Amino acid sequence: MVFDGRWKSELKQLSYAISIWRKMTVFGGLAEHRLNRAILYSATILRKIIEDEAEAETIAKDAGITLPKQKTVRASLEAIKYPYTGEEGWAIRSKLCASDYGKGQTVCIKVKDVCNWLLHSYVWGVARNEDRKNFAGFLVASDFDKEKFVHFIPFEEWCALLRVVINDGVF
């Protein structure tokens, strides 16, 4: 996939949708659905970009060609890692508050891993911040670690990543 204007346009629309729908808690289920859709679709596009960048690097190396630095394949996100609470369905609850999840730890995780968790583990959900009356981000866990911890990724962090890929992505 060549990262052309259409894919960039899609990512721009998804970033915009996240920034709008995260404030629309009055729409309840519809807002949550739109956020879920935007997260999944953007993760699919990002995962494809990462694969294309990795393949392009391999081909360029074999051909002895120098490419501009591939940014998405090495990108990372800042997230908050919460320990398992022992509660049934804990990773996909819609409310996020420190007392429910204990003390979180700030970690840096690879975008590729987040996309894989979103697309393959199905252990994720939109998190609502009751204090600010909006959706704060999303919680995601891998299949292997879902009973150990969950990662919280703020929508601001996800949208910032999308903007970097749109503005600076080679593919």
Protein backbone atom coordinates (compact mmCIF):
# COMPACT_ATOMS: atom_id res chain seq x y z
CA MET A 1 0.00 0.00 0.00
CA VAL A 2 1.42 3.34 -0.94
CA PHE A 3 0.38 5.80 1.74
CA ASP A 4 -1.31 8.20 -0.63
CA GLY A 5 -3.67 11.08 -0.05
CA ARG A 6 -6.72 8.85 0.37
CA TRP A 7 -5.27 7.00 3.35
CA LYS A 8 -4.10 10.27 4.86
CA SER A 9 -7.59 11.65 4.34
CA GLU A 10 -9.07 8.60 6.09
CA LEU A 11 -6.75 9.06 9.07
CA LYS A 12 -7.62 12.77 9.25
CA GLN A 13 -11.32 11.93 9.29
CA LEU A 14 -10.81 9.30 11.98
CA SER A 15 -8.76 11.66 14.13
CA TYR A 16 -11.47 14.30 13.75
CA ALA A 17 -14.19 11.77 14.60
CA ILE A 18 -12.36 10.80 17.79
CA SER A 19 -11.90 14.42 18.83
CA ILE A 20 -15.61 15.16 18.28
CA TRP A 21 -17.29 11.96 19.54
CA ARG A 22 -15.21 11.79 22.74
CA LYS A 23 -17.08 14.89 23.94
CA MET A 24 -20.54 13.60 22.98
CA THR A 25 -21.43 11.48 26.00
CA VAL A 26 -25.01 12.70 25.67
CA PHE A 27 -25.31 10.34 22.68
CA GLY A 28 -24.22 7.40 24.87
CA GLY A 29 -24.12 4.20 22.85
CA LEU A 30 -23.84 5.96 19.49
CA ALA A 31 -20.82 7.97 20.63
CA GLU A 32 -19.18 4.84 22.02
CA HIS A 33 -19.86 2.98 18.76
CA ARG A 34 -18.36 5.81 16.68
CA LEU A 35 -15.27 5.89 18.90
CA ASN A 36 -14.90 2.10 18.70
CA ARG A 37 -15.16 2.25 14.93
CA ALA A 38 -12.62 5.07 14.62
CA ILE A 39 -10.13 3.28 16.89
CA LEU A 40 -10.42 -0.05 15.07
CA TYR A 41 -10.25 1.45 11.60
CA SER A 42 -7.28 3.67 12.44
CA ALA A 43 -5.50 0.68 14.04
CA THR A 44 -6.04 -1.30 10.84
CA ILE A 45 -4.57 1.48 8.69
CA LEU A 46 -1.63 1.97 11.07
CA ARG A 47 -0.89 -1.77 11.14
CA LYS A 48 -0.86 -1.88 7.34
CA ILE A 49 1.47 1.13 7.20
CA ILE A 50 3.82 -0.55 9.69
CA GLU A 51 3.94 -3.73 7.59
CA ASP A 52 4.56 -1.74 4.41
CA GLU A 53 7.36 0.25 6.04
CA ALA A 54 9.04 -2.92 7.31
CA GLU A 55 8.76 -4.54 3.86
CA ALA A 56 10.09 -1.40 2.16
CA GLU A 57 13.10 -1.35 4.49
CA THR A 58 13.87 -4.99 3.66
CA ILE A 59 13.58 -4.42 -0.10
CA ALA A 60 15.69 -1.25 0.08
CA LYS A 61 18.36 -3.02 2.13
CA ASP A 62 18.52 -5.92 -0.35
CA ALA A 63 18.74 -3.48 -3.28
CA GLY A 64 21.29 -1.25 -1.55
CA ILE A 65 18.96 1.75 -1.62
CA THR A 66 18.72 4.26 1.22
CA LEU A 67 15.20 5.24 2.28
CA PRO A 68 14.13 8.12 4.50
CA LYS A 69 13.73 7.03 8.12
CA GLN A 70 10.54 5.01 8.58
CA LYS A 71 8.76 6.53 11.57
CA THR A 72 5.58 4.54 12.06
CA VAL A 73 7.27 1.15 12.32
CA ARG A 74 9.27 2.41 15.32
CA ALA A 75 6.61 4.64 16.86
CA SER A 76 5.58 4.28 20.47
CA LEU A 77 2.82 5.59 22.71
CA GLU A 78 2.76 6.63 26.33
CA ALA A 79 0.18 4.63 28.24
CA ILE A 80 -0.81 3.91 31.81
CA LYS A 81 -0.53 0.27 32.84
CA TYR A 82 -2.99 -0.89 35.49
CA PRO A 83 -2.66 -4.19 37.39
CA TYR A 84 -5.37 -6.85 37.25
CA THR A 85 -8.08 -6.34 39.87
CA GLY A 86 -9.49 -9.86 39.89
CA GLU A 87 -12.85 -8.54 38.73
CA GLU A 88 -14.79 -10.23 35.92
CA GLY A 89 -14.74 -8.14 32.73
CA TRP A 90 -12.38 -5.61 34.28
CA ALA A 91 -10.54 -4.78 31.05
CA ILE A 92 -13.62 -3.70 29.13
CA ARG A 93 -15.53 -1.65 31.71
CA SER A 94 -16.60 1.72 30.48
CA LYS A 95 -15.48 3.75 33.48
CA LEU A 96 -11.93 4.64 34.33
CA CYS A 97 -10.99 5.79 37.76
CA ALA A 98 -7.83 5.24 39.76
CA SER A 99 -9.65 3.74 42.74
CA ASP A 100 -11.09 0.99 40.54
CA TYR A 101 -7.82 0.06 38.89
CA GLY A 102 -5.30 0.85 41.60
CA LYS A 103 -2.14 2.82 41.03
CA GLY A 104 -1.22 3.02 37.37
CA GLN A 105 2.31 3.01 36.01
CA THR A 106 3.31 5.12 33.00
CA VAL A 107 4.87 2.96 30.29
CA CYS A 108 5.97 3.33 26.69
CA ILE A 109 4.53 0.73 24.31
CA LYS A 110 5.01 0.12 20.60
CA VAL A 111 2.24 1.22 18.26
CA LYS A 112 2.55 -2.11 16.47
CA ASP A 113 1.72 -3.93 19.72
CA VAL A 114 -1.29 -1.72 20.44
CA CYS A 115 -2.63 -2.29 16.91
CA ASN A 116 -2.14 -6.05 17.28
CA TRP A 117 -3.97 -6.07 20.61
CA LEU A 118 -6.85 -4.07 19.16
CA LEU A 119 -7.16 -6.19 16.04
CA HIS A 120 -6.52 -9.65 17.48
CA SER A 121 -7.26 -9.82 21.21
CA TYR A 122 -10.72 -8.22 21.39
CA VAL A 123 -9.92 -7.27 25.00
CA TRP A 124 -10.46 -3.54 24.87
CA GLY A 125 -13.05 -0.87 25.45
CA VAL A 126 -13.67 2.85 25.47
CA ALA A 127 -13.04 4.44 28.87
CA ARG A 128 -15.30 7.18 30.19
CA ASN A 129 -13.98 9.82 32.54
CA GLU A 130 -16.90 10.59 34.83
CA ASP A 131 -15.27 13.70 36.32
CA ARG A 132 -14.92 15.46 32.98
CA LYS A 133 -18.10 14.01 31.48
CA ASN A 134 -16.41 12.72 28.35
CA PHE A 135 -14.63 9.70 26.96
CA ALA A 136 -11.02 9.75 28.12
CA GLY A 137 -9.41 7.08 25.95
CA PHE A 138 -9.45 3.33 25.59
CA LEU A 139 -8.30 0.34 27.60
CA VAL A 140 -6.58 -2.51 25.80
CA ALA A 141 -4.87 -5.75 26.78
CA SER A 142 -3.27 -8.60 24.89
CA ASP A 143 -4.79 -12.08 25.06
CA PHE A 144 -1.73 -13.31 26.94
CA ASP A 145 -1.67 -10.53 29.55
CA LYS A 146 -5.37 -9.80 30.02
CA GLU A 147 -5.33 -11.29 33.52
CA LYS A 148 -2.19 -9.39 34.51
CA PHE A 149 -2.77 -5.80 33.40
CA VAL A 150 -4.53 -3.46 31.02
CA HIS A 151 -3.16 -0.37 29.27
CA PHE A 152 -5.03 2.92 29.17
CA ILE A 153 -4.30 5.06 26.10
CA PRO A 154 -5.68 8.61 26.17
CA PHE A 155 -7.42 9.81 23.02
CA GLU A 156 -5.06 12.80 22.96
CA GLU A 157 -2.10 10.42 22.64
CA TRP A 158 -3.78 8.34 19.90
CA CYS A 159 -4.79 11.43 17.88
CA ALA A 160 -1.28 12.91 18.26
CA LEU A 161 0.11 9.68 16.78
CA LEU A 162 -2.34 9.90 13.86
CA ARG A 163 -1.28 13.50 13.19
CA VAL A 164 2.41 12.50 13.16
CA VAL A 165 1.70 9.69 10.70
CA ILE A 166 -0.38 12.00 8.49
CA ASN A 167 2.20 14.80 8.47
CA ASP A 168 5.48 12.89 8.60
CA GLY A 169 4.72 9.41 7.30
CA VAL A 170 6.70 8.26 4.29
CA PHE A 171 4.10 5.67 3.29
